[in-house]
C-alpha atoms as a PDB file:
ATOM      1  CA  MET A   1     235.357 296.739  -4.928  1.00  0.00           C
ATOM      2  CA  THR A   2     231.876 295.887  -3.691  1.00  0.00           C
ATOM      3  CA  ILE A   3     228.872 297.820  -4.956  1.00  0.00           C
ATOM      4  CA  GLN A   4     225.992 298.031  -2.521  1.00  0.00           C
ATOM      5  CA  THR A   5     222.498 298.284  -3.980  1.00  0.00           C
ATOM      6  CA  THR A   6     219.280 298.984  -2.131  1.00  0.00           C
ATOM      7  CA  ILE A   7     216.060 297.505  -3.428  1.00  0.00           C
ATOM      8  CA  VAL A   8     212.906 299.147  -2.162  1.00  0.00           C
ATOM      9  CA  PRO A   9     209.621 297.369  -2.906  1.00  0.00           C
ATOM     10  CA  THR A  10     207.156 299.556  -4.777  1.00  0.00           C
ATOM     11  CA  SER A  11     204.277 297.171  -5.423  1.00  0.00           C
ATOM     12  CA  ALA A  12     202.695 297.502  -1.964  1.00  0.00           C
ATOM     13  CA  PRO A  13     202.922 301.185  -0.970  1.00  0.00           C
ATOM     14  CA  ASN A  14     200.890 300.773   2.231  1.00  0.00           C
ATOM     15  CA  LEU A  15     203.348 298.324   3.808  1.00  0.00           C
ATOM     16  CA  PRO A  16     206.267 299.920   5.644  1.00  0.00           C
ATOM     17  CA  VAL A  17     209.165 297.783   4.397  1.00  0.00           C
ATOM     18  CA  ALA A  18     212.768 298.864   4.663  1.00  0.00           C
ATOM     19  CA  GLY A  19     214.996 298.458   1.620  1.00  0.00           C
ATOM     20  CA  GLN A  20     217.306 295.437   1.656  1.00  0.00           C
ATOM     21  CA  GLN A  21     221.041 295.779   0.981  1.00  0.00           C
ATOM     22  CA  TYR A  22     222.515 293.360  -1.572  1.00  0.00           C
ATOM     23  CA  ASP A  23     226.084 293.273  -2.790  1.00  0.00           C
ATOM     24  CA  GLN A  24     227.230 292.783  -6.384  1.00  0.00           C
ATOM     25  CA  THR A  25     228.174 289.127  -5.792  1.00  0.00           C
ATOM     26  CA  TYR A  26     224.549 288.294  -5.034  1.00  0.00           C
ATOM     27  CA  PHE A  27     223.354 290.047  -8.204  1.00  0.00           C
ATOM     28  CA  ASN A  28     225.965 288.212 -10.280  1.00  0.00           C
ATOM     29  CA  GLN A  29     224.766 284.866  -8.913  1.00  0.00           C
ATOM     30  CA  ILE A  30     221.145 285.716  -9.718  1.00  0.00           C
ATOM     31  CA  LEU A  31     222.031 286.927 -13.226  1.00  0.00           C
ATOM     32  CA  ASN A  32     224.048 283.766 -13.930  1.00  0.00           C
ATOM     33  CA  SER A  33     221.127 281.634 -12.747  1.00  0.00           C
ATOM     34  CA  PHE A  34     218.776 283.475 -15.112  1.00  0.00           C
ATOM     35  CA  ARG A  35     221.239 283.140 -18.001  1.00  0.00           C
ATOM     36  CA  LEU A  36     221.543 279.389 -17.470  1.00  0.00           C
ATOM     37  CA  TYR A  37     217.774 278.971 -17.120  1.00  0.00           C
ATOM     38  CA  PHE A  38     216.836 280.945 -20.218  1.00  0.00           C
ATOM     39  CA  THR A  39     219.666 279.466 -22.282  1.00  0.00           C
ATOM     40  CA  SER A  40     218.371 275.980 -21.500  1.00  0.00           C
ATOM     41  CA  ILE A  41     214.854 277.050 -22.526  1.00  0.00           C
ATOM     42  CA  ASP A  42     216.190 278.542 -25.775  1.00  0.00           C
ATOM     43  CA  ASN A  43     218.182 275.394 -26.563  1.00  0.00           C
ATOM     44  CA  PHE A  44     215.203 273.134 -25.858  1.00  0.00           C
ATOM     45  CA  THR A  45     212.825 275.298 -27.898  1.00  0.00           C
ATOM     46  CA  ARG A  46     215.194 275.370 -30.865  1.00  0.00           C
ATOM     47  CA  ALA A  47     215.654 271.602 -30.825  1.00  0.00           C
ATOM     48  CA  ALA A  48     212.061 270.636 -30.052  1.00  0.00           C
ATOM     49  CA  SER A  49     210.552 273.010 -32.603  1.00  0.00           C
ATOM     50  CA  LYS A  50     212.794 271.772 -35.423  1.00  0.00           C
ATOM     51  CA  ILE A  51     210.496 269.467 -37.381  1.00  0.00           C
ATOM     52  CA  THR A  52     212.327 266.927 -39.463  1.00  0.00           C
ATOM     53  CA  TYR A  53     210.833 264.438 -41.863  1.00  0.00           C
ATOM     54  CA  GLY A  54     211.690 261.253 -43.668  1.00  0.00           C
ATOM     55  CA  THR A  55     210.857 257.598 -43.872  1.00  0.00           C
ATOM     56  CA  THR A  56     210.503 255.284 -40.888  1.00  0.00           C
ATOM     57  CA  SER A  57     214.018 253.946 -41.439  1.00  0.00           C
ATOM     58  CA  GLN A  58     215.431 257.497 -41.505  1.00  0.00           C
ATOM     59  CA  ARG A  59     214.114 258.487 -38.057  1.00  0.00           C
ATOM     60  CA  PRO A  60     216.721 260.147 -35.849  1.00  0.00           C
ATOM     61  CA  ALA A  61     218.162 257.771 -33.240  1.00  0.00           C
ATOM     62  CA  VAL A  62     220.695 259.941 -31.393  1.00  0.00           C
ATOM     63  CA  GLY A  63     220.474 263.375 -29.813  1.00  0.00           C
ATOM     64  CA  LEU A  64     216.727 263.068 -29.338  1.00  0.00           C
ATOM     65  CA  ILE A  65     214.831 265.405 -27.019  1.00  0.00           C
ATOM     66  CA  THR A  66     211.555 264.568 -25.315  1.00  0.00           C
ATOM     67  CA  GLY A  67     208.796 266.230 -27.319  1.00  0.00           C
ATOM     68  CA  GLN A  68     210.774 266.283 -30.555  1.00  0.00           C
ATOM     69  CA  GLN A  69     208.533 266.010 -33.602  1.00  0.00           C
ATOM     70  CA  TYR A  70     209.208 264.045 -36.773  1.00  0.00           C
ATOM     71  CA  PHE A  71     206.977 263.678 -39.819  1.00  0.00           C
ATOM     72  CA  ASP A  72     207.132 260.045 -40.913  1.00  0.00           C
ATOM     73  CA  THR A  73     206.536 260.028 -44.677  1.00  0.00           C
ATOM     74  CA  SER A  74     206.140 256.222 -44.702  1.00  0.00           C
ATOM     75  CA  LEU A  75     203.216 256.480 -42.274  1.00  0.00           C
ATOM     76  CA  GLY A  76     202.053 259.889 -43.502  1.00  0.00           C
ATOM     77  CA  ILE A  77     201.648 261.250 -39.957  1.00  0.00           C
ATOM     78  CA  PRO A  78     203.562 263.373 -37.461  1.00  0.00           C
ATOM     79  CA  ILE A  79     205.092 261.482 -34.544  1.00  0.00           C
ATOM     80  CA  TRP A  80     206.785 262.605 -31.326  1.00  0.00           C
ATOM     81  CA  TYR A  81     209.595 261.260 -29.184  1.00  0.00           C
ATOM     82  CA  ASN A  82     208.391 260.735 -25.594  1.00  0.00           C
ATOM     83  CA  GLY A  83     211.791 260.095 -24.044  1.00  0.00           C
ATOM     84  CA  THR A  84     211.869 256.354 -24.747  1.00  0.00           C
ATOM     85  CA  LYS A  85     210.049 255.752 -28.042  1.00  0.00           C
ATOM     86  CA  TRP A  86     208.319 257.414 -30.983  1.00  0.00           C
ATOM     87  CA  ILE A  87     204.559 257.807 -30.550  1.00  0.00           C
ATOM     88  CA  ASN A  88     201.668 259.061 -32.657  1.00  0.00           C
ATOM     89  CA  ALA A  89     199.051 261.637 -31.583  1.00  0.00           C
ATOM     90  CA  SER A  90     197.042 259.031 -29.683  1.00  0.00           C
ATOM     91  CA  GLY A  91     200.110 257.926 -27.675  1.00  0.00           C
ATOM     92  CA  THR A  92     200.577 254.613 -29.452  1.00  0.00           C
ATOM     93  CA  ALA A  93     204.157 253.557 -30.162  1.00  0.00           C
ATOM     94  CA  VAL A  94     204.982 253.598 -33.868  1.00  0.00           C
END
């Protein structure tokens, strides 16, 4: 069963625009795209905003995400993973 939906633009009332017909398959594709997009944002935000801490030798080495923060207690400063190495606030590798 196919459900037909008409979308009529309402943001520009002076433009004579006919409503466009879309079937349910199209809406499902759009909704799945949004779900994937926002799920990836949620996963990144959860991982990147999780601030861990420890000594230099305890730094995470696997499962790192670009932008991930770590407070290095040996150095006494926060550092970030830039995708290849840990850096301090000035961008210097630590």
